[in-house]
Structure formats: C-alpha cells, structure tokens
Amino acid sequence: MNRCLRLFTPLVPVAMPLVLAAALLPQAALAALHAGDPAPPFALPRAPSGSLSLASLKGKPVYLNFFASWCAPCNDEAPTVVALYKKYHPHGLVTVGVDEQEDASRGLEFAKKFGLPYAIVVDEDGKMGSAYGAIYLPIHVFIDRRGNISTYRIGQMDPGEIEAAIKKII
C-alpha cells in the first residue's frame, strides 16, 4: 500500500462523512423546502398496514415528523411530539411520523417504545425523504390547510418551537 494512503487510511472513516456532507450541502440547500412552497405529494405504506397519501389529508393541518429509530435527536423529541399531538389533534392537527429508510418493523418498534398515537408511514427507499430534502434527521414539516409548507426545519426543535409551528397551521 502506498505510504500516503496508509497514513491517511485511519482518517478516512472520520473525514469522509465531513467531506460528503460539505459536498452535499449546496445541493441540499437547493432541495430544502421553504414557507409557501406546495408540499410534495406522497403515498406510502402505513405501518403496520394500509397506506396514507398527502392527498387524503387535503384541507387539514399536517405535521410530518421524519425520524429513524437510530436517530438520537428523534428519540429525544418523540415524547414532545406525542404530547403536542394529544394537545392539538382535537383541534384538527394530523401528525404523521415518517420512518426514513428503515423497514416497517423498526418504525413499529419506535412507535411502541414511545406510544406514538399517530400514523406512521415507511419511506424505505427514501424517495419521499428526497422530495422533502431529508439530508439529516429529524426533519419537521408543517403543512397548512391549503397544502403549502408553513414551517420547514432540518434538525432538532425544542418543544416551544414545535408548538409555535403547530399554532401557525391550526
């Protein structure tokens, strides 16, 4: 093995994600949704059965919470999302958990662990995530009754931020 390669090989696992993230950020910034944009349509399998589409939620305020079972911030936020769902669901809020690039069993385990009372859809191939600019988890998408993005956030949100975004669409 080339001496330079051997010297830098231990750094590759650390450096490569940083290099890849830096390369993808400009593309991700272009792919990110913004307030006022129409929400991209989706139709995905629902865990444990059935399916759910954005079209079926027309006229309702929708909170999409993209997560994965391995995502530490997703695990941290789950109790808050459940509490806010319970508080605002009687006011018409529809919350949908989007299990990103995992099989349905992982999403169901996550739902059971946190007692998620709302629908979970499974985006195994990542196509919905791609349409919604999912380069990092969690992602929070708040869609108004007209089907437009009200608030879009990549990364963890504190409970007050999530509640403020919900109040904008109720």
C-alpha atoms as a PDB file:
ATOM      1  CA  MET A   1       0.000   0.000   0.000  1.00  0.00           C
ATOM      2  CA  ASN A   2       1.197   3.488  -0.792  1.00  0.00           C
ATOM      3  CA  ARG A   3       2.672   5.173   2.293  1.00  0.00           C
ATOM      4  CA  CYS A   4       0.401   8.259   1.991  1.00  0.00           C
ATOM      5  CA  LEU A   5      -2.650   6.065   1.709  1.00  0.00           C
ATOM      6  CA  ARG A   6      -1.585   4.074   4.735  1.00  0.00           C
ATOM      7  CA  LEU A   7      -1.077   7.261   6.762  1.00  0.00           C
ATOM      8  CA  PHE A   8      -4.481   8.654   5.922  1.00  0.00           C
ATOM      9  CA  THR A   9      -6.474   5.411   5.938  1.00  0.00           C
ATOM     10  CA  PRO A  10      -7.324   5.713   9.674  1.00  0.00           C
ATOM     11  CA  LEU A  11      -8.706   9.187   8.994  1.00  0.00           C
ATOM     12  CA  VAL A  12     -10.988   8.091   6.178  1.00  0.00           C
ATOM     13  CA  PRO A  13     -13.887   6.936   8.408  1.00  0.00           C
ATOM     14  CA  VAL A  14     -13.785  10.281  10.216  1.00  0.00           C
ATOM     15  CA  ALA A  15     -13.050  12.593   7.312  1.00  0.00           C
ATOM     16  CA  MET A  16     -15.268  11.059   4.619  1.00  0.00           C
ATOM     17  CA  PRO A  17     -18.624  11.951   6.221  1.00  0.00           C
ATOM     18  CA  LEU A  18     -17.428  15.539   6.609  1.00  0.00           C
ATOM     19  CA  VAL A  19     -16.270  15.719   3.004  1.00  0.00           C
ATOM     20  CA  LEU A  20     -19.503  14.167   1.765  1.00  0.00           C
ATOM     21  CA  ALA A  21     -21.623  16.497   3.893  1.00  0.00           C
ATOM     22  CA  ALA A  22     -19.740  19.530   2.590  1.00  0.00           C
ATOM     23  CA  ALA A  23     -20.237  18.339  -0.986  1.00  0.00           C
ATOM     24  CA  LEU A  24     -23.959  17.714  -0.489  1.00  0.00           C
ATOM     25  CA  LEU A  25     -24.844  20.884   1.427  1.00  0.00           C
ATOM     26  CA  PRO A  26     -25.167  23.127  -1.641  1.00  0.00           C
ATOM     27  CA  GLN A  27     -27.485  20.568  -3.277  1.00  0.00           C
ATOM     28  CA  ALA A  28     -29.419  20.108  -0.057  1.00  0.00           C
ATOM     29  CA  ALA A  29     -29.876  23.851   0.316  1.00  0.00           C
ATOM     30  CA  LEU A  30     -31.436  23.902  -3.132  1.00  0.00           C
ATOM     31  CA  ALA A  31     -33.651  20.902  -2.312  1.00  0.00           C
ATOM     32  CA  ALA A  32     -34.882  22.273   1.020  1.00  0.00           C
ATOM     33  CA  LEU A  33     -38.469  23.402   1.105  1.00  0.00           C
ATOM     34  CA  HIS A  34     -39.445  26.903   2.086  1.00  0.00           C
ATOM     35  CA  ALA A  35     -42.517  28.541   3.585  1.00  0.00           C
ATOM     36  CA  GLY A  36     -45.151  28.976   0.895  1.00  0.00           C
ATOM     37  CA  ASP A  37     -43.934  26.084  -1.280  1.00  0.00           C
ATOM     38  CA  PRO A  38     -46.540  23.444  -2.095  1.00  0.00           C
ATOM     39  CA  ALA A  39     -45.902  20.267  -0.112  1.00  0.00           C
ATOM     40  CA  PRO A  40     -44.636  17.472  -2.377  1.00  0.00           C
ATOM     41  CA  PRO A  41     -47.239  14.734  -2.823  1.00  0.00           C
ATOM     42  CA  PHE A  42     -46.624  11.326  -1.308  1.00  0.00           C
ATOM     43  CA  ALA A  43     -48.321   7.952  -0.967  1.00  0.00           C
ATOM     44  CA  LEU A  44     -46.588   5.487   1.329  1.00  0.00           C
ATOM     45  CA  PRO A  45     -47.318   2.247   3.140  1.00  0.00           C
ATOM     46  CA  ARG A  46     -48.582   2.775   6.643  1.00  0.00           C
ATOM     47  CA  ALA A  47     -47.176   0.653   9.446  1.00  0.00           C
ATOM     48  CA  PRO A  48     -48.480  -1.915  10.239  1.00  0.00           C
ATOM     49  CA  SER A  49     -50.851  -1.955   7.232  1.00  0.00           C
ATOM     50  CA  GLY A  50     -52.653   0.199   4.728  1.00  0.00           C
ATOM     51  CA  SER A  51     -51.356   3.330   3.086  1.00  0.00           C
ATOM     52  CA  LEU A  52     -51.508   7.079   3.503  1.00  0.00           C
ATOM     53  CA  SER A  53     -51.227   9.897   0.995  1.00  0.00           C
ATOM     54  CA  LEU A  54     -50.950  13.642   1.302  1.00  0.00           C
ATOM     55  CA  ALA A  55     -53.985  13.930  -0.987  1.00  0.00           C
ATOM     56  CA  SER A  56     -56.086  12.106   1.626  1.00  0.00           C
ATOM     57  CA  LEU A  57     -55.193  14.836   4.133  1.00  0.00           C
ATOM     58  CA  LYS A  58     -56.295  17.731   1.921  1.00  0.00           C
ATOM     59  CA  GLY A  59     -57.775  20.609   3.899  1.00  0.00           C
ATOM     60  CA  LYS A  60     -56.186  19.536   7.182  1.00  0.00           C
ATOM     61  CA  PRO A  61     -53.195  20.986   9.024  1.00  0.00           C
ATOM     62  CA  VAL A  62     -50.421  18.371   8.816  1.00  0.00           C
ATOM     63  CA  TYR A  63     -47.241  17.882  10.804  1.00  0.00           C
ATOM     64  CA  LEU A  64     -44.752  15.497   9.156  1.00  0.00           C
ATOM     65  CA  ASN A  65     -42.082  14.284  11.560  1.00  0.00           C
ATOM     66  CA  PHE A  66     -39.267  12.463   9.716  1.00  0.00           C
ATOM     67  CA  PHE A  67     -37.410  10.082  12.037  1.00  0.00           C
ATOM     68  CA  ALA A  68     -35.368   6.903  12.262  1.00  0.00           C
ATOM     69  CA  SER A  69     -35.058   4.574  15.217  1.00  0.00           C
ATOM     70  CA  TRP A  70     -31.269   5.072  15.398  1.00  0.00           C
ATOM     71  CA  CYS A  71     -31.525   8.887  15.434  1.00  0.00           C
ATOM     72  CA  ALA A  72     -30.758  10.214  18.952  1.00  0.00           C
ATOM     73  CA  PRO A  73     -32.487  13.608  18.468  1.00  0.00           C
ATOM     74  CA  CYS A  74     -35.533  11.779  17.071  1.00  0.00           C
ATOM     75  CA  ASN A  75     -35.676   9.688  20.232  1.00  0.00           C
ATOM     76  CA  ASP A  76     -35.264  12.820  22.369  1.00  0.00           C
ATOM     77  CA  GLU A  77     -38.117  14.621  20.590  1.00  0.00           C
ATOM     78  CA  ALA A  78     -40.604  11.751  20.453  1.00  0.00           C
ATOM     79  CA  PRO A  79     -42.245  12.401  23.861  1.00  0.00           C
ATOM     80  CA  THR A  80     -42.748  16.080  22.927  1.00  0.00           C
ATOM     81  CA  VAL A  81     -44.275  15.178  19.568  1.00  0.00           C
ATOM     82  CA  VAL A  82     -46.668  12.765  21.311  1.00  0.00           C
ATOM     83  CA  ALA A  83     -47.678  15.371  23.908  1.00  0.00           C
ATOM     84  CA  LEU A  84     -48.284  18.053  21.273  1.00  0.00           C
ATOM     85  CA  TYR A  85     -50.222  15.616  19.104  1.00  0.00           C
ATOM     86  CA  LYS A  86     -52.517  14.875  22.051  1.00  0.00           C
ATOM     87  CA  LYS A  87     -52.948  18.584  22.752  1.00  0.00           C
ATOM     88  CA  TYR A  88     -53.671  19.689  19.160  1.00  0.00           C
ATOM     89  CA  HIS A  89     -55.257  16.658  17.495  1.00  0.00           C
ATOM     90  CA  PRO A  90     -58.676  17.665  18.916  1.00  0.00           C
ATOM     91  CA  HIS A  91     -58.179  20.961  17.027  1.00  0.00           C
ATOM     92  CA  GLY A  92     -57.718  19.141  13.709  1.00  0.00           C
ATOM     93  CA  LEU A  93     -53.962  18.570  13.612  1.00  0.00           C
ATOM     94  CA  VAL A  94     -52.885  15.463  11.704  1.00  0.00           C
ATOM     95  CA  THR A  95     -49.457  14.216  12.714  1.00  0.00           C
ATOM     96  CA  VAL A  96     -47.634  11.693  10.550  1.00  0.00           C
ATOM     97  CA  GLY A  97     -44.383  10.033  11.545  1.00  0.00           C
ATOM     98  CA  VAL A  98     -42.225   9.272   8.505  1.00  0.00           C
ATOM     99  CA  ASP A  99     -39.812   6.431   9.231  1.00  0.00           C
ATOM    100  CA  GLU A 100     -36.950   7.252   6.912  1.00  0.00           C
ATOM    101  CA  GLN A 101     -35.094   4.450   5.113  1.00  0.00           C
ATOM    102  CA  GLU A 102     -35.872   1.661   7.548  1.00  0.00           C
ATOM    103  CA  ASP A 103     -38.124  -1.352   7.250  1.00  0.00           C
ATOM    104  CA  ALA A 104     -41.568  -1.222   8.843  1.00  0.00           C
ATOM    105  CA  SER A 105     -40.542  -3.321  11.845  1.00  0.00           C
ATOM    106  CA  ARG A 106     -38.107  -0.617  13.007  1.00  0.00           C
ATOM    107  CA  GLY A 107     -40.782   2.076  12.712  1.00  0.00           C
ATOM    108  CA  LEU A 108     -43.231  -0.068  14.656  1.00  0.00           C
ATOM    109  CA  GLU A 109     -40.644  -0.684  17.400  1.00  0.00           C
ATOM    110  CA  PHE A 110     -40.086   3.076  17.665  1.00  0.00           C
ATOM    111  CA  ALA A 111     -43.852   3.695  17.774  1.00  0.00           C
ATOM    112  CA  LYS A 112     -44.299   1.106  20.521  1.00  0.00           C
ATOM    113  CA  LYS A 113     -41.333   2.403  22.539  1.00  0.00           C
ATOM    114  CA  PHE A 114     -42.795   5.934  22.648  1.00  0.00           C
ATOM    115  CA  GLY A 115     -46.508   5.090  22.453  1.00  0.00           C
ATOM    116  CA  LEU A 116     -46.978   7.038  19.227  1.00  0.00           C
ATOM    117  CA  PRO A 117     -50.732   7.525  18.772  1.00  0.00           C
ATOM    118  CA  TYR A 118     -50.477   8.915  15.231  1.00  0.00           C
ATOM    119  CA  ALA A 119     -49.945   7.375  11.801  1.00  0.00           C
ATOM    120  CA  ILE A 120     -46.520   6.042  10.857  1.00  0.00           C
ATOM    121  CA  VAL A 121     -45.584   5.717   7.198  1.00  0.00           C
ATOM    122  CA  VAL A 122     -42.490   3.937   5.954  1.00  0.00           C
ATOM    123  CA  ASP A 123     -40.187   5.550   3.390  1.00  0.00           C
ATOM    124  CA  GLU A 124     -37.935   2.531   2.859  1.00  0.00           C
ATOM    125  CA  ASP A 125     -36.423   3.710  -0.417  1.00  0.00           C
ATOM    126  CA  GLY A 126     -36.016   7.342   0.664  1.00  0.00           C
ATOM    127  CA  LYS A 127     -37.973   8.818  -2.260  1.00  0.00           C
ATOM    128  CA  MET A 128     -40.269  10.858  -0.029  1.00  0.00           C
ATOM    129  CA  GLY A 129     -37.284  11.966   2.029  1.00  0.00           C
ATOM    130  CA  SER A 130     -35.537  13.070  -1.120  1.00  0.00           C
ATOM    131  CA  ALA A 131     -38.587  15.078  -2.218  1.00  0.00           C
ATOM    132  CA  TYR A 132     -38.623  16.733   1.207  1.00  0.00           C
ATOM    133  CA  GLY A 133     -34.855  17.404   1.324  1.00  0.00           C
ATOM    134  CA  ALA A 134     -34.103  14.835   4.036  1.00  0.00           C
ATOM    135  CA  ILE A 135     -30.328  15.015   4.305  1.00  0.00           C
ATOM    136  CA  TYR A 136     -30.336  14.864   8.089  1.00  0.00           C
ATOM    137  CA  LEU A 137     -32.785  13.761  10.751  1.00  0.00           C
ATOM    138  CA  PRO A 138     -35.053  14.750  12.289  1.00  0.00           C
ATOM    139  CA  ILE A 139     -36.965  16.879   9.821  1.00  0.00           C
ATOM    140  CA  HIS A 140     -40.107  18.770  10.749  1.00  0.00           C
ATOM    141  CA  VAL A 141     -42.566  19.853   8.061  1.00  0.00           C
ATOM    142  CA  PHE A 142     -45.707  21.791   8.959  1.00  0.00           C
ATOM    143  CA  ILE A 143     -48.266  21.991   6.148  1.00  0.00           C
ATOM    144  CA  ASP A 144     -51.194  24.408   6.227  1.00  0.00           C
ATOM    145  CA  ARG A 145     -54.773  23.595   5.207  1.00  0.00           C
ATOM    146  CA  ARG A 146     -54.072  24.785   1.639  1.00  0.00           C
ATOM    147  CA  GLY A 147     -51.305  22.185   1.256  1.00  0.00           C
ATOM    148  CA  ASN A 148     -48.426  24.666   1.485  1.00  0.00           C
ATOM    149  CA  ILE A 149     -45.358  24.483   3.682  1.00  0.00           C
ATOM    150  CA  SER A 150     -45.733  26.762   6.687  1.00  0.00           C
ATOM    151  CA  THR A 151     -42.574  25.803   8.587  1.00  0.00           C
ATOM    152  CA  TYR A 152     -39.720  23.547   7.474  1.00  0.00           C
ATOM    153  CA  ARG A 153     -36.873  22.643   9.797  1.00  0.00           C
ATOM    154  CA  ILE A 154     -33.971  20.244   9.485  1.00  0.00           C
ATOM    155  CA  GLY A 155     -32.663  19.162  12.888  1.00  0.00           C
ATOM    156  CA  GLN A 156     -33.954  19.029  16.408  1.00  0.00           C
ATOM    157  CA  MET A 157     -36.560  21.546  17.567  1.00  0.00           C
ATOM    158  CA  ASP A 158     -37.343  22.419  21.152  1.00  0.00           C
ATOM    159  CA  PRO A 159     -40.922  21.933  22.398  1.00  0.00           C
ATOM    160  CA  GLY A 160     -41.734  25.647  22.184  1.00  0.00           C
ATOM    161  CA  GLU A 161     -40.609  25.820  18.550  1.00  0.00           C
ATOM    162  CA  ILE A 162     -42.706  22.803  17.587  1.00  0.00           C
ATOM    163  CA  GLU A 163     -45.753  24.199  19.358  1.00  0.00           C
ATOM    164  CA  ALA A 164     -45.350  27.611  17.699  1.00  0.00           C
ATOM    165  CA  ALA A 165     -45.164  25.935  14.281  1.00  0.00           C
ATOM    166  CA  ILE A 166     -48.301  23.903  15.058  1.00  0.00           C
ATOM    167  CA  LYS A 167     -50.193  27.026  16.146  1.00  0.00           C
ATOM    168  CA  LYS A 168     -49.408  28.654  12.771  1.00  0.00           C
ATOM    169  CA  ILE A 169     -51.270  25.895  10.896  1.00  0.00           C
ATOM    170  CA  ILE A 170     -54.199  25.164  13.241  1.00  0.00           C
END
